[in-house]
N, C-alpha and C. Protein backbone atom coordinates (compact mmCIF):
# COMPACT_ATOMS: atom_id res chain seq x y z
N MET A 1 58.71 -143.33 -116.40
CA MET A 1 59.88 -142.63 -116.22
C MET A 1 60.31 -141.78 -117.41
N ALA A 2 60.33 -142.37 -118.52
CA ALA A 2 60.70 -141.72 -119.90
C ALA A 2 59.70 -140.69 -120.17
N LYS A 3 58.49 -140.73 -120.00
CA LYS A 3 57.61 -139.70 -120.23
C LYS A 3 58.01 -138.37 -119.48
N LYS A 4 58.35 -138.56 -118.18
CA LYS A 4 58.75 -137.38 -117.25
C LYS A 4 60.01 -136.65 -118.11
N THR A 5 61.01 -137.43 -118.52
CA THR A 5 62.13 -136.86 -119.03
C THR A 5 61.91 -136.19 -120.31
N VAL A 6 61.09 -136.73 -121.16
CA VAL A 6 60.64 -136.09 -122.41
C VAL A 6 59.97 -134.81 -122.13
N ALA A 7 59.02 -134.81 -121.20
CA ALA A 7 58.20 -133.73 -120.88
C ALA A 7 58.91 -132.58 -120.32
N SER A 8 59.95 -132.92 -119.75
CA SER A 8 60.89 -131.79 -119.04
C SER A 8 61.71 -131.20 -119.90
N LEU A 9 62.02 -131.91 -121.10
CA LEU A 9 63.05 -131.34 -122.23
C LEU A 9 62.25 -130.18 -123.12
N GLN A 10 60.84 -130.43 -123.10
CA GLN A 10 60.17 -129.52 -124.05
C GLN A 10 59.78 -128.28 -123.34
N THR A 11 60.79 -127.35 -123.44
CA THR A 11 60.64 -125.91 -122.80
C THR A 11 60.08 -124.93 -123.67
N GLY A 12 60.25 -125.27 -125.09
CA GLY A 12 59.69 -124.28 -126.17
C GLY A 12 60.82 -123.27 -126.49
N GLU A 13 62.04 -123.28 -125.85
CA GLU A 13 62.96 -122.50 -126.42
C GLU A 13 64.04 -122.97 -127.41
N GLY A 14 63.82 -124.21 -127.94
CA GLY A 14 64.50 -124.73 -129.06
C GLY A 14 64.17 -124.31 -130.36
N ARG A 15 63.29 -123.49 -130.48
CA ARG A 15 62.71 -123.03 -131.87
C ARG A 15 63.07 -121.54 -132.10
N THR A 16 64.15 -121.13 -131.42
CA THR A 16 64.46 -119.72 -131.53
C THR A 16 65.54 -119.61 -132.83
N PHE A 17 65.94 -120.74 -133.36
CA PHE A 17 66.95 -120.71 -134.32
C PHE A 17 66.23 -121.34 -135.61
N SER A 18 66.68 -120.96 -136.96
CA SER A 18 66.23 -121.67 -138.07
C SER A 18 67.53 -121.95 -138.92
N LYS A 19 67.45 -122.96 -139.50
CA LYS A 19 68.47 -123.54 -140.51
C LYS A 19 68.19 -122.93 -141.84
N VAL A 20 69.14 -122.12 -142.44
CA VAL A 20 68.65 -121.50 -143.67
C VAL A 20 69.89 -121.82 -144.57
N ILE A 21 69.40 -122.12 -145.84
CA ILE A 21 70.22 -122.66 -146.92
C ILE A 21 70.07 -121.63 -148.22
N LYS A 22 71.29 -121.08 -148.65
CA LYS A 22 71.16 -120.22 -149.80
C LYS A 22 72.10 -120.72 -150.79
N MET A 23 71.69 -120.55 -152.12
CA MET A 23 72.52 -120.86 -153.30
C MET A 23 73.24 -119.80 -153.61
N VAL A 24 74.70 -120.01 -153.71
CA VAL A 24 75.81 -119.04 -154.14
C VAL A 24 76.48 -119.38 -155.33
N LYS A 25 76.60 -118.60 -156.22
CA LYS A 25 77.41 -118.96 -157.49
C LYS A 25 78.88 -118.53 -157.40
N SER A 26 79.81 -119.46 -157.78
CA SER A 26 81.07 -119.16 -157.64
C SER A 26 81.70 -118.27 -158.72
N PRO A 27 82.38 -117.16 -158.38
CA PRO A 27 82.88 -116.34 -159.45
C PRO A 27 84.07 -117.04 -160.22
N LYS A 28 84.66 -117.87 -159.86
CA LYS A 28 85.74 -118.61 -160.63
C LYS A 28 85.12 -119.59 -161.55
N THR A 29 84.37 -120.65 -161.06
CA THR A 29 83.96 -121.70 -161.98
C THR A 29 82.55 -121.48 -162.40
N GLY A 30 81.79 -120.69 -161.90
CA GLY A 30 80.35 -120.50 -162.28
C GLY A 30 79.44 -121.53 -161.74
N ALA A 31 79.85 -122.53 -160.95
CA ALA A 31 79.09 -123.70 -160.25
C ALA A 31 78.46 -123.02 -159.12
N TYR A 32 77.41 -123.50 -158.73
CA TYR A 32 76.63 -123.17 -157.61
C TYR A 32 77.05 -124.02 -156.38
N THR A 33 77.09 -123.21 -155.25
CA THR A 33 77.31 -124.14 -153.88
C THR A 33 76.17 -123.64 -152.99
N PHE A 34 76.02 -124.42 -151.95
CA PHE A 34 75.05 -124.20 -150.95
C PHE A 34 75.57 -123.56 -149.62
N GLN A 35 75.24 -122.56 -149.13
CA GLN A 35 75.76 -121.93 -147.88
C GLN A 35 74.72 -122.22 -146.82
N GLU A 36 75.03 -123.06 -145.81
CA GLU A 36 73.97 -123.46 -144.78
C GLU A 36 74.41 -122.60 -143.48
N GLU A 37 73.49 -122.15 -142.68
CA GLU A 37 73.74 -121.54 -141.38
C GLU A 37 72.63 -121.75 -140.52
N MET A 38 72.92 -121.70 -139.07
CA MET A 38 71.86 -121.66 -138.18
C MET A 38 71.87 -120.25 -137.73
N VAL A 39 70.46 -119.64 -137.76
CA VAL A 39 70.44 -118.21 -137.65
C VAL A 39 69.23 -117.82 -136.81
N PRO A 40 69.39 -116.81 -135.90
CA PRO A 40 68.18 -116.61 -135.00
C PRO A 40 66.96 -116.35 -135.92
N ASN A 41 65.67 -116.50 -135.45
CA ASN A 41 64.43 -116.30 -136.38
C ASN A 41 64.35 -114.87 -136.78
N ASP A 42 64.86 -113.91 -136.03
CA ASP A 42 64.70 -112.48 -136.40
C ASP A 42 65.69 -111.98 -137.50
N LYS A 43 66.77 -112.78 -137.67
CA LYS A 43 67.86 -112.29 -138.50
C LYS A 43 67.72 -113.19 -139.83
N VAL A 44 66.59 -114.05 -140.17
CA VAL A 44 66.73 -114.76 -141.38
C VAL A 44 66.69 -113.73 -142.52
N LYS A 45 65.83 -112.73 -142.63
CA LYS A 45 65.74 -111.76 -143.75
C LYS A 45 67.12 -111.16 -143.93
N ASP A 46 67.90 -110.82 -143.01
CA ASP A 46 68.99 -110.18 -143.14
C ASP A 46 70.15 -111.16 -143.77
N PHE A 47 70.03 -112.56 -143.47
CA PHE A 47 70.81 -113.51 -143.90
C PHE A 47 70.73 -113.47 -145.49
N PHE A 48 69.42 -113.46 -146.04
CA PHE A 48 69.08 -113.55 -147.50
C PHE A 48 69.47 -112.18 -148.16
N ALA A 49 69.51 -111.13 -147.54
CA ALA A 49 69.67 -109.80 -148.12
C ALA A 49 71.25 -109.58 -148.56
N LYS A 50 72.06 -110.44 -147.67
CA LYS A 50 73.44 -110.21 -148.03
C LYS A 50 73.91 -110.72 -149.41
């Protein structure tokens, strides 16, 4: 029974987004922070260009 449930959940549409992490330097303290977002695969380069 479990095999049918797992097989039906794998439609292939779950991989249209990527988790991206960018290091950003704080202007006040100079410390680095990490900015994380879930971005569509075709917008990844735009995220890093900002």
